[in-house]
Amino acid sequence: MFNMQEVGRTISDLRKKNNMTQMELAERLGISYQAVSSWERGSTMPDIAKLPDLAEIFGVTIGTLLGKESPLLESLVEDKTEEYLEENSVTVHELTGIAPLLKPTQVDKVFEQVESSFSVEEMEDLLPFLSSDVLERLAKRAFEEEKYRELGNMAPFLSRQLLDDMAKVMEKAGGQGIDEILPFLSRETVGEMAQNRYAKGGISALDDLYPFVSKGFLQEVAMKEYAANGLRNFAGIAPFLDREFLTSLAKEALEKDGIKAIAPIAPFLKWEMLSEVIAEKYL
């Protein structure tokens, strides 16, 4: 991958060597001087379409501008990508290295001709630069082939609706692989899953879902569980409950069943709120 600071420094040095102001260079390129300034600060990179113009203005190669040669990038600039790919193999590292300079359609164009050579694990750094259409196609293939780890790698770049739809199918089939995409599902979908799991398996069936469901649902489940079994099954859910609510249950349990009743949730309580109750009961 190209170093933006180094590229910016090179552009700045070449501009000064050619005795040009940022404004003059911007006018030659048909862009704002702020864009040139951003390049030189290393905040952004020149668009690929501007690289040939920059190289011509400064009398250097594109490789000199970028600090290293990239035949693949030059083939894209010259619109000779298909010919290049017919005669050369492309590594995922090479494509990822130039991807920040490319439009998604350009990344897709190269990727679609070489994707059979890459695994999703290898292309992880490339995923942010692929178009949503290509990502969706890759995700559906991983889903159909039950490659859930690959699906999890792609999840941050996929639409929530697509992931929700996949999760519902996975849940009906037994839930295998859902943990790979749980953090990226909608609150509504996780809520539906939690309701169904609780109805079928009780509070122990929710262990994987606690961080992703609403506080309201957790409190509702906690109330039902407390009414049926006290606090003895609360070790898993306690860290995710509001401490004020948890303490109120603890006070009630302490009054009814003694100090042993609150042992499962002791690390999560506000002891200062319980101290008076404990003092009144035992001191």
Protein backbone atom coordinates (compact mmCIF):
# COMPACT_ATOMS: atom_id res chain seq x y z
CA MET A 1 0.00 0.00 0.00
CA PHE A 2 1.26 3.48 -0.83
CA ASN A 3 2.39 5.79 1.94
CA MET A 4 0.24 8.93 1.66
CA GLN A 5 2.74 11.06 3.57
CA GLU A 6 5.58 10.01 1.28
CA VAL A 7 3.49 10.61 -1.85
CA GLY A 8 2.49 14.02 -0.50
CA ARG A 9 6.09 14.92 0.20
CA THR A 10 7.10 13.88 -3.32
CA ILE A 11 4.37 16.02 -4.91
CA SER A 12 5.39 18.97 -2.76
CA ASP A 13 9.07 18.56 -3.64
CA LEU A 14 8.35 18.22 -7.37
CA ARG A 15 6.04 21.24 -7.34
CA LYS A 16 8.70 23.38 -5.69
CA LYS A 17 11.39 22.01 -7.99
CA ASN A 18 9.24 23.20 -10.91
CA ASN A 19 8.78 26.60 -9.21
CA MET A 20 5.00 26.27 -9.07
CA THR A 21 2.51 27.41 -6.43
CA GLN A 22 -0.24 25.13 -5.19
CA MET A 23 -2.70 27.39 -7.01
CA GLU A 24 -0.80 27.09 -10.30
CA LEU A 25 -0.64 23.32 -10.04
CA ALA A 26 -4.33 23.17 -9.18
CA GLU A 27 -5.22 25.27 -12.24
CA ARG A 28 -3.16 22.99 -14.51
CA LEU A 29 -5.03 20.00 -13.13
CA GLY A 30 -8.47 21.60 -13.07
CA ILE A 31 -8.93 21.11 -9.33
CA SER A 32 -8.97 23.27 -6.20
CA TYR A 33 -5.74 24.31 -4.50
CA GLN A 34 -7.22 22.78 -1.32
CA ALA A 35 -7.01 19.38 -3.03
CA VAL A 36 -3.33 19.93 -3.81
CA SER A 37 -2.74 21.05 -0.23
CA SER A 38 -4.48 17.92 1.04
CA TRP A 39 -2.23 15.73 -1.11
CA GLU A 40 0.91 17.44 0.10
CA ARG A 41 -0.13 17.08 3.75
CA GLY A 42 -0.62 13.37 3.19
CA SER A 43 -4.32 13.59 4.08
CA THR A 44 -5.58 12.29 0.72
CA MET A 45 -4.20 10.68 -2.42
CA PRO A 46 -4.57 11.98 -5.98
CA ASP A 47 -7.36 10.41 -7.99
CA ILE A 48 -6.04 7.82 -10.43
CA ALA A 49 -7.28 9.96 -13.33
CA LYS A 50 -4.93 12.78 -12.26
CA LEU A 51 -1.78 10.69 -12.03
CA PRO A 52 -0.88 10.85 -15.75
CA ASP A 53 -1.37 14.63 -15.74
CA LEU A 54 0.75 15.05 -12.62
CA ALA A 55 3.49 12.86 -14.06
CA GLU A 56 3.47 14.83 -17.33
CA ILE A 57 3.56 18.22 -15.58
CA PHE A 58 6.55 17.19 -13.48
CA GLY A 59 8.26 15.16 -16.20
CA VAL A 60 8.42 11.97 -14.13
CA THR A 61 6.83 8.52 -14.17
CA ILE A 62 3.77 7.55 -12.17
CA GLY A 63 6.01 5.18 -10.25
CA THR A 64 8.22 8.12 -9.21
CA LEU A 65 5.16 10.00 -7.95
CA LEU A 66 3.96 7.06 -5.89
CA GLY A 67 7.35 5.94 -4.64
CA LYS A 68 7.24 2.56 -6.36
CA GLU A 69 6.34 1.09 -9.70
CA SER A 70 2.99 -0.66 -10.16
CA PRO A 71 2.47 -2.17 -13.61
CA LEU A 72 -1.10 -3.06 -12.62
CA LEU A 73 -1.89 0.55 -11.77
CA GLU A 74 -0.31 1.78 -14.98
CA SER A 75 -2.43 -0.70 -16.96
CA LEU A 76 -5.53 0.78 -15.32
CA VAL A 77 -4.41 4.32 -16.08
CA GLU A 78 -3.81 3.39 -19.72
CA ASP A 79 -7.05 1.36 -19.92
CA LYS A 80 -5.10 -1.79 -20.79
CA THR A 81 -6.13 -3.87 -17.78
CA GLU A 82 -7.52 -6.84 -19.68
CA GLU A 83 -4.35 -7.23 -21.71
CA TYR A 84 -2.22 -6.95 -18.58
CA LEU A 85 -4.24 -9.58 -16.70
CA GLU A 86 -4.03 -11.98 -19.64
CA GLU A 87 -0.25 -11.88 -19.48
CA ASN A 88 0.36 -11.41 -15.75
CA SER A 89 -0.83 -12.86 -12.45
CA VAL A 90 -2.02 -10.45 -9.76
CA THR A 91 -1.64 -11.04 -6.03
CA VAL A 92 -4.20 -9.85 -3.51
CA HIS A 93 -1.41 -7.80 -1.90
CA GLU A 94 -0.77 -5.98 -5.19
CA LEU A 95 -4.45 -5.19 -5.73
CA THR A 96 -4.95 -4.10 -2.12
CA GLY A 97 -1.94 -1.83 -2.41
CA ILE A 98 -3.43 0.25 -5.22
CA ALA A 99 -7.09 -0.06 -4.18
CA PRO A 100 -7.19 3.28 -2.28
CA LEU A 101 -6.46 5.03 -5.58
CA LEU A 102 -9.20 3.25 -7.51
CA LYS A 103 -12.92 3.64 -7.91
CA PRO A 104 -14.98 0.62 -6.75
CA THR A 105 -15.78 -0.24 -10.38
CA GLN A 106 -12.05 -0.40 -11.15
CA VAL A 107 -11.35 -2.61 -8.14
CA ASP A 108 -14.25 -4.84 -9.17
CA LYS A 109 -12.95 -5.06 -12.73
CA VAL A 110 -9.62 -6.47 -11.61
CA PHE A 111 -11.05 -8.54 -8.78
CA GLU A 112 -13.65 -10.31 -10.90
CA GLN A 113 -10.94 -11.55 -13.24
CA VAL A 114 -8.70 -12.91 -10.50
CA GLU A 115 -11.04 -13.68 -7.57
CA SER A 116 -10.75 -17.45 -8.00
CA SER A 117 -7.12 -17.08 -6.89
CA PHE A 118 -8.05 -15.49 -3.53
CA SER A 119 -9.67 -16.75 -0.34
CA VAL A 120 -11.75 -14.36 1.77
CA GLU A 121 -9.11 -14.53 4.52
CA GLU A 122 -6.46 -13.38 2.04
CA MET A 123 -8.60 -10.53 0.73
CA GLU A 124 -9.68 -9.14 4.11
CA ASP A 125 -7.83 -5.85 3.58
CA LEU A 126 -9.40 -5.53 0.13
CA LEU A 127 -13.02 -5.82 1.32
CA PRO A 128 -13.53 -2.08 2.07
CA PHE A 129 -12.76 -1.25 -1.56
CA LEU A 130 -15.12 -3.71 -3.25
CA SER A 131 -18.55 -2.58 -4.41
CA SER A 132 -21.66 -3.62 -2.48
CA ASP A 133 -22.75 -5.83 -5.39
CA VAL A 134 -19.53 -7.85 -5.34
CA LEU A 135 -19.56 -8.09 -1.55
CA GLU A 136 -23.15 -9.33 -1.57
CA ARG A 137 -22.29 -11.98 -4.14
CA LEU A 138 -19.31 -13.17 -2.09
CA ALA A 139 -21.40 -13.19 1.09
CA LYS A 140 -24.17 -15.24 -0.48
CA ARG A 141 -21.63 -17.76 -1.73
CA ALA A 142 -20.02 -18.05 1.71
CA PHE A 143 -23.48 -18.44 3.26
CA GLU A 144 -24.55 -21.17 0.84
CA GLU A 145 -21.27 -23.03 1.39
CA GLU A 146 -21.62 -22.59 5.19
CA LYS A 147 -18.30 -20.76 5.41
CA TYR A 148 -19.43 -18.70 8.36
CA ARG A 149 -16.00 -17.41 9.35
CA GLU A 150 -15.65 -15.89 5.88
CA LEU A 151 -19.12 -14.39 6.24
CA GLY A 152 -18.08 -12.88 9.57
CA ASN A 153 -15.05 -11.26 7.94
CA MET A 154 -17.32 -9.63 5.37
CA ALA A 155 -20.07 -8.64 7.82
CA PRO A 156 -18.85 -5.07 8.57
CA PHE A 157 -19.22 -4.22 4.88
CA LEU A 158 -22.59 -5.89 4.21
CA SER A 159 -26.07 -4.42 4.48
CA ARG A 160 -27.89 -5.09 7.74
CA GLN A 161 -30.93 -6.34 5.82
CA LEU A 162 -28.87 -9.01 4.06
CA LEU A 163 -27.32 -10.14 7.35
CA ASP A 164 -30.70 -10.18 9.10
CA ASP A 165 -32.17 -12.35 6.35
CA MET A 166 -29.25 -14.77 6.57
CA ALA A 167 -29.42 -14.88 10.38
CA LYS A 168 -33.10 -15.83 10.34
CA VAL A 169 -32.35 -18.78 8.06
CA MET A 170 -29.38 -19.80 10.21
CA GLU A 171 -31.46 -19.60 13.38
CA LYS A 172 -34.17 -21.85 11.95
CA ALA A 173 -31.47 -24.35 10.98
CA GLY A 174 -30.10 -24.51 14.52
CA GLY A 175 -28.10 -21.32 14.90
CA GLN A 176 -24.73 -22.55 13.60
CA GLY A 177 -22.53 -19.64 12.54
CA ILE A 178 -24.72 -16.85 13.93
CA ASP A 179 -22.08 -15.87 16.47
CA GLU A 180 -19.87 -14.74 13.55
CA ILE A 181 -22.36 -12.03 12.51
CA LEU A 182 -24.22 -11.25 15.76
CA PRO A 183 -22.60 -7.82 16.34
CA PHE A 184 -23.84 -6.65 12.93
CA LEU A 185 -27.49 -7.71 13.17
CA SER A 186 -30.33 -5.30 13.83
CA ARG A 187 -31.67 -5.00 17.38
CA GLU A 188 -35.07 -6.17 16.09
CA THR A 189 -33.70 -9.41 14.62
CA VAL A 190 -31.68 -10.22 17.73
CA GLY A 191 -34.76 -9.46 19.81
CA GLU A 192 -36.85 -11.95 17.84
CA MET A 193 -34.14 -14.57 18.22
CA ALA A 194 -33.96 -13.93 21.95
CA GLN A 195 -37.73 -14.22 22.38
CA ASN A 196 -37.78 -17.55 20.57
CA ARG A 197 -34.77 -18.95 22.41
CA TYR A 198 -36.12 -17.93 25.79
CA ALA A 199 -39.51 -19.50 25.04
CA LYS A 200 -37.83 -22.78 24.08
CA GLY A 201 -34.88 -22.99 26.44
CA GLY A 202 -35.26 -20.49 29.24
CA ILE A 203 -32.65 -18.02 30.45
CA SER A 204 -29.68 -20.33 29.76
CA ALA A 205 -30.48 -20.23 26.04
CA LEU A 206 -29.70 -16.50 25.93
CA ASP A 207 -26.05 -16.52 27.01
CA ASP A 208 -24.68 -15.57 23.56
CA LEU A 209 -27.26 -12.84 23.01
CA TYR A 210 -27.03 -10.75 26.18
CA PRO A 211 -24.70 -8.05 24.76
CA PHE A 212 -26.95 -7.51 21.74
CA VAL A 213 -30.51 -7.34 23.11
CA SER A 214 -32.33 -4.36 24.59
CA LYS A 215 -32.19 -3.48 28.29
CA GLY A 216 -35.99 -3.65 28.35
CA PHE A 217 -36.04 -7.25 27.15
CA LEU A 218 -33.32 -8.24 29.61
CA GLN A 219 -35.23 -6.69 32.48
CA GLU A 220 -38.43 -8.47 31.42
CA VAL A 221 -36.61 -11.82 31.31
CA ALA A 222 -34.95 -11.14 34.65
CA MET A 223 -38.29 -10.43 36.32
CA LYS A 224 -39.77 -13.69 35.01
CA GLU A 225 -36.70 -15.68 36.02
CA TYR A 226 -36.60 -14.12 39.49
CA ALA A 227 -40.28 -14.88 40.06
CA ALA A 228 -39.75 -18.51 39.08
CA ASN A 229 -36.29 -19.33 40.46
CA GLY A 230 -34.93 -16.44 42.45
CA LEU A 231 -31.40 -15.26 41.61
CA ARG A 232 -29.65 -18.62 41.27
CA ASN A 233 -29.52 -18.50 37.44
CA PHE A 234 -28.49 -14.84 37.20
CA ALA A 235 -24.71 -15.21 36.84
CA GLY A 236 -24.87 -14.88 33.03
CA ILE A 237 -27.42 -12.10 32.73
CA ALA A 238 -26.35 -9.98 35.72
CA PRO A 239 -23.47 -8.07 34.01
CA PHE A 240 -25.91 -6.74 31.41
CA LEU A 241 -28.66 -5.54 33.76
CA ASP A 242 -29.03 -2.03 35.08
CA ARG A 243 -27.35 -1.95 38.49
CA GLU A 244 -30.21 -0.08 40.12
CA PHE A 245 -32.65 -2.75 38.94
CA LEU A 246 -30.32 -5.58 39.97
CA THR A 247 -29.84 -4.07 43.40
CA SER A 248 -33.60 -3.79 43.90
CA LEU A 249 -33.95 -7.52 43.20
CA ALA A 250 -31.07 -8.24 45.55
CA LYS A 251 -32.72 -6.28 48.36
CA GLU A 252 -35.92 -8.25 47.92
CA ALA A 253 -34.08 -11.58 47.81
CA LEU A 254 -32.04 -10.64 50.86
CA GLU A 255 -35.16 -9.85 52.84
CA LYS A 256 -36.89 -13.08 51.80
CA ASP A 257 -34.13 -15.68 51.70
CA GLY A 258 -31.07 -14.28 53.41
CA ILE A 259 -27.61 -13.29 52.26
CA LYS A 260 -26.87 -16.57 50.44
CA ALA A 261 -29.61 -15.73 47.96
CA ILE A 262 -27.61 -12.87 46.47
CA ALA A 263 -24.33 -14.77 46.03
CA PRO A 264 -24.74 -15.32 42.24
CA ILE A 265 -24.93 -11.57 41.59
CA ALA A 266 -22.72 -10.22 44.37
CA PRO A 267 -19.93 -8.88 42.08
CA PHE A 268 -22.41 -6.70 40.21
CA LEU A 269 -24.20 -5.00 43.10
CA LYS A 270 -24.00 -1.49 44.50
CA TRP A 271 -23.05 -2.46 48.00
CA GLU A 272 -23.54 1.01 49.36
CA MET A 273 -27.25 0.68 48.53
CA LEU A 274 -27.45 -2.69 50.28
CA SER A 275 -25.46 -1.79 53.35
CA GLU A 276 -28.43 -0.40 55.25
CA VAL A 277 -30.55 -3.47 54.52
CA ILE A 278 -27.73 -5.81 55.56
CA ALA A 279 -27.10 -3.79 58.70
CA GLU A 280 -30.76 -3.82 59.68
CA LYS A 281 -31.07 -7.57 59.11
CA TYR A 282 -27.81 -8.86 60.53
CA LEU A 283 -26.27 -6.21 62.78
